[in-house]
Amino acid sequence: MAVLRTILTVIFVIICIALTVLVLMQEGKSQGLGSISGMADTYWGKNKGRSMEGALVKITTGLAVGFMVLAVVLNLNF
């Protein structure tokens, strides 16, 4: 069981680092004056799910779920 716990801890640390990097790579939700003048309705704003930003959001969500699951599993006393 100690080997499994060590492997899960290493995976947990890798997820933590990846999650930090991905959050820092993402753009802010408020783009200053661009959002006021309606820049969110451009082609890239409508197709955000298919863009790189959309992919970053999906990957971040997946890593956040993995982070939470591993945090709970690693806190179990087995």
N, C-alpha and C. Protein backbone atom coordinates (compact mmCIF):
# COMPACT_ATOMS: atom_id res chain seq x y z
N MET A 1 0.81 -1.20 0.00
CA MET A 1 0.00 0.00 0.00
C MET A 1 0.85 1.26 0.00
N ALA A 2 2.06 1.18 0.54
CA ALA A 2 2.93 2.35 0.58
C ALA A 2 3.37 2.75 -0.82
N VAL A 3 3.56 1.76 -1.69
CA VAL A 3 3.96 2.05 -3.07
C VAL A 3 2.82 2.77 -3.81
N LEU A 4 1.59 2.29 -3.61
CA LEU A 4 0.44 2.93 -4.24
C LEU A 4 0.26 4.37 -3.75
N ARG A 5 0.44 4.56 -2.46
CA ARG A 5 0.32 5.92 -1.89
C ARG A 5 1.40 6.84 -2.45
N THR A 6 2.61 6.32 -2.63
CA THR A 6 3.70 7.11 -3.21
C THR A 6 3.40 7.49 -4.66
N ILE A 7 2.91 6.53 -5.42
CA ILE A 7 2.56 6.80 -6.82
C ILE A 7 1.45 7.84 -6.91
N LEU A 8 0.42 7.71 -6.08
CA LEU A 8 -0.68 8.68 -6.08
C LEU A 8 -0.20 10.07 -5.65
N THR A 9 0.74 10.12 -4.73
CA THR A 9 1.28 11.40 -4.29
C THR A 9 2.07 12.07 -5.41
N VAL A 10 2.84 11.30 -6.16
CA VAL A 10 3.60 11.85 -7.29
C VAL A 10 2.63 12.36 -8.35
N ILE A 11 1.58 11.60 -8.65
CA ILE A 11 0.57 12.04 -9.61
C ILE A 11 -0.11 13.31 -9.12
N PHE A 12 -0.38 13.38 -7.83
CA PHE A 12 -1.01 14.55 -7.22
C PHE A 12 -0.13 15.79 -7.39
N VAL A 13 1.16 15.66 -7.18
CA VAL A 13 2.08 16.79 -7.32
C VAL A 13 2.15 17.23 -8.78
N ILE A 14 2.17 16.28 -9.70
CA ILE A 14 2.20 16.62 -11.13
C ILE A 14 0.93 17.37 -11.53
N ILE A 15 -0.23 16.91 -11.03
CA ILE A 15 -1.49 17.59 -11.31
C ILE A 15 -1.48 19.00 -10.73
N CYS A 16 -0.94 19.15 -9.52
CA CYS A 16 -0.87 20.49 -8.91
C CYS A 16 -0.04 21.45 -9.75
N ILE A 17 1.10 21.00 -10.22
CA ILE A 17 1.96 21.85 -11.05
C ILE A 17 1.28 22.18 -12.38
N ALA A 18 0.69 21.17 -13.01
CA ALA A 18 0.01 21.39 -14.29
C ALA A 18 -1.17 22.33 -14.14
N LEU A 19 -1.92 22.19 -13.06
CA LEU A 19 -3.06 23.05 -12.81
C LEU A 19 -2.62 24.50 -12.61
N THR A 20 -1.54 24.70 -11.91
CA THR A 20 -1.02 26.05 -11.70
C THR A 20 -0.58 26.68 -13.01
N VAL A 21 0.12 25.92 -13.83
CA VAL A 21 0.58 26.44 -15.11
C VAL A 21 -0.60 26.77 -16.02
N LEU A 22 -1.60 25.90 -16.07
CA LEU A 22 -2.75 26.14 -16.94
C LEU A 22 -3.56 27.35 -16.51
N VAL A 23 -3.72 27.54 -15.22
CA VAL A 23 -4.47 28.71 -14.75
C VAL A 23 -3.72 29.99 -15.10
N LEU A 24 -2.40 29.98 -14.99
CA LEU A 24 -1.62 31.15 -15.33
C LEU A 24 -1.60 31.42 -16.83
N MET A 25 -1.78 30.41 -17.66
CA MET A 25 -1.79 30.58 -19.11
C MET A 25 -3.09 31.19 -19.61
N GLN A 26 -4.17 31.05 -18.87
CA GLN A 26 -5.46 31.52 -19.34
C GLN A 26 -5.58 33.04 -19.25
N GLU A 27 -6.39 33.57 -20.17
CA GLU A 27 -6.65 35.00 -20.17
C GLU A 27 -7.68 35.32 -19.10
N GLY A 28 -7.69 36.55 -18.66
CA GLY A 28 -8.68 36.99 -17.71
C GLY A 28 -10.06 37.03 -18.36
N LYS A 29 -11.11 36.88 -17.57
CA LYS A 29 -12.46 36.91 -18.11
C LYS A 29 -12.88 38.31 -18.52
N SER A 30 -12.39 39.32 -17.86
CA SER A 30 -12.70 40.69 -18.26
C SER A 30 -11.51 41.23 -19.05
N GLN A 31 -11.74 41.55 -20.29
CA GLN A 31 -10.67 42.00 -21.16
C GLN A 31 -10.61 43.52 -21.23
N GLY A 32 -10.94 44.18 -20.15
CA GLY A 32 -10.85 45.64 -20.10
C GLY A 32 -11.89 46.30 -20.97
N LEU A 33 -11.48 47.28 -21.77
CA LEU A 33 -12.41 48.03 -22.60
C LEU A 33 -12.95 47.21 -23.75
N GLY A 34 -12.27 46.14 -24.12
CA GLY A 34 -12.75 45.29 -25.21
C GLY A 34 -14.08 44.65 -24.90
N SER A 35 -14.32 44.29 -23.68
CA SER A 35 -15.58 43.67 -23.31
C SER A 35 -16.70 44.69 -23.25
N ILE A 36 -16.37 45.94 -22.98
CA ILE A 36 -17.39 46.99 -22.92
C ILE A 36 -17.92 47.30 -24.32
N SER A 37 -17.04 47.33 -25.31
CA SER A 37 -17.45 47.72 -26.66
C SER A 37 -18.02 46.57 -27.46
N GLY A 38 -18.20 45.40 -26.86
CA GLY A 38 -18.82 44.29 -27.56
C GLY A 38 -17.87 43.38 -28.28
N MET A 39 -16.62 43.36 -27.90
CA MET A 39 -15.65 42.49 -28.56
C MET A 39 -15.92 41.02 -28.27
N ALA A 40 -16.73 40.73 -27.27
CA ALA A 40 -17.03 39.34 -26.94
C ALA A 40 -17.91 38.69 -27.99
N ASP A 41 -18.55 39.48 -28.87
CA ASP A 41 -19.44 38.93 -29.89
C ASP A 41 -18.73 38.68 -31.21
N THR A 42 -17.42 38.71 -31.23
CA THR A 42 -16.69 38.46 -32.45
C THR A 42 -16.66 36.96 -32.73
N TYR A 43 -16.05 36.61 -33.84
CA TYR A 43 -15.96 35.20 -34.24
C TYR A 43 -15.30 34.35 -33.16
N TRP A 44 -14.19 34.84 -32.60
CA TRP A 44 -13.46 34.06 -31.61
C TRP A 44 -14.24 33.97 -30.31
N GLY A 45 -15.05 34.96 -29.99
CA GLY A 45 -15.87 34.91 -28.78
C GLY A 45 -16.96 33.86 -28.88
N LYS A 46 -17.55 33.72 -30.09
CA LYS A 46 -18.62 32.75 -30.28
C LYS A 46 -18.10 31.32 -30.36
N ASN A 47 -16.90 31.14 -30.88
CA ASN A 47 -16.33 29.81 -31.07
C ASN A 47 -15.27 29.51 -30.02
N LYS A 48 -15.45 29.99 -28.82
CA LYS A 48 -14.44 29.83 -27.78
C LYS A 48 -14.22 28.36 -27.42
N GLY A 49 -15.24 27.53 -27.55
CA GLY A 49 -15.10 26.11 -27.24
C GLY A 49 -14.14 25.40 -28.16
N ARG A 50 -13.97 25.90 -29.37
CA ARG A 50 -13.08 25.27 -30.34
C ARG A 50 -11.71 25.90 -30.39
N SER A 51 -11.52 26.97 -29.65
CA SER A 51 -10.24 27.67 -29.67
C SER A 51 -9.29 27.09 -28.63
N MET A 52 -8.10 27.64 -28.59
CA MET A 52 -7.10 27.20 -27.61
C MET A 52 -7.57 27.54 -26.20
N GLU A 53 -8.22 28.70 -26.05
CA GLU A 53 -8.72 29.10 -24.73
C GLU A 53 -9.78 28.11 -24.23
N GLY A 54 -10.64 27.66 -25.14
CA GLY A 54 -11.65 26.68 -24.77
C GLY A 54 -11.03 25.35 -24.34
N ALA A 55 -9.97 24.97 -25.04
CA ALA A 55 -9.27 23.73 -24.68
C ALA A 55 -8.61 23.86 -23.32
N LEU A 56 -8.04 25.04 -23.04
CA LEU A 56 -7.43 25.25 -21.73
C LEU A 56 -8.45 25.17 -20.61
N VAL A 57 -9.64 25.70 -20.86
CA VAL A 57 -10.70 25.65 -19.84
C VAL A 57 -11.11 24.20 -19.58
N LYS A 58 -11.25 23.42 -20.64
CA LYS A 58 -11.66 22.01 -20.48
C LYS A 58 -10.59 21.20 -19.75
N ILE A 59 -9.33 21.43 -20.11
CA ILE A 59 -8.23 20.71 -19.45
C ILE A 59 -8.13 21.12 -17.98
N THR A 60 -8.32 22.40 -17.71
CA THR A 60 -8.28 22.88 -16.32
C THR A 60 -9.38 22.24 -15.50
N THR A 61 -10.57 22.13 -16.08
CA THR A 61 -11.68 21.49 -15.37
C THR A 61 -11.37 20.03 -15.06
N GLY A 62 -10.83 19.32 -16.03
CA GLY A 62 -10.47 17.93 -15.81
C GLY A 62 -9.40 17.76 -14.74
N LEU A 63 -8.39 18.62 -14.79
CA LEU A 63 -7.34 18.55 -13.78
C LEU A 63 -7.86 18.93 -12.39
N ALA A 64 -8.80 19.87 -12.34
CA ALA A 64 -9.36 20.24 -11.04
C ALA A 64 -10.16 19.10 -10.43
N VAL A 65 -10.89 18.37 -11.27
CA VAL A 65 -11.63 17.20 -10.78
C VAL A 65 -10.65 16.13 -10.29
N GLY A 66 -9.59 15.89 -11.06
CA GLY A 66 -8.57 14.93 -10.65
C GLY A 66 -7.89 15.34 -9.35
N PHE A 67 -7.64 16.63 -9.20
CA PHE A 67 -7.04 17.16 -7.98
C PHE A 67 -7.94 16.87 -6.78
N MET A 68 -9.22 17.15 -6.91
CA MET A 68 -10.14 16.94 -5.79
C MET A 68 -10.27 15.45 -5.44
N VAL A 69 -10.36 14.61 -6.45
CA VAL A 69 -10.49 13.16 -6.20
C VAL A 69 -9.24 12.63 -5.52
N LEU A 70 -8.07 13.00 -6.01
CA LEU A 70 -6.83 12.53 -5.39
C LEU A 70 -6.65 13.10 -3.99
N ALA A 71 -7.10 14.33 -3.77
CA ALA A 71 -6.99 14.90 -2.43
C ALA A 71 -7.82 14.11 -1.44
N VAL A 72 -9.01 13.70 -1.85
CA VAL A 72 -9.86 12.90 -0.96
C VAL A 72 -9.26 11.51 -0.76
N VAL A 73 -8.79 10.89 -1.83
CA VAL A 73 -8.22 9.53 -1.73
C VAL A 73 -6.98 9.53 -0.85
N LEU A 74 -6.13 10.53 -0.99
CA LEU A 74 -4.90 10.58 -0.21
C LEU A 74 -5.16 10.89 1.26
N ASN A 75 -6.31 11.47 1.58
CA ASN A 75 -6.63 11.76 2.98
C ASN A 75 -7.29 10.59 3.70
N LEU A 76 -7.67 9.56 2.97
CA LEU A 76 -8.25 8.38 3.60
C LEU A 76 -7.17 7.64 4.40
N ASN A 77 -7.55 7.16 5.52
CA ASN A 77 -6.60 6.40 6.35
C ASN A 77 -6.77 4.91 6.08
N PHE A 78 -5.99 4.42 5.15
CA PHE A 78 -6.04 2.98 4.86
C PHE A 78 -4.69 2.37 4.96
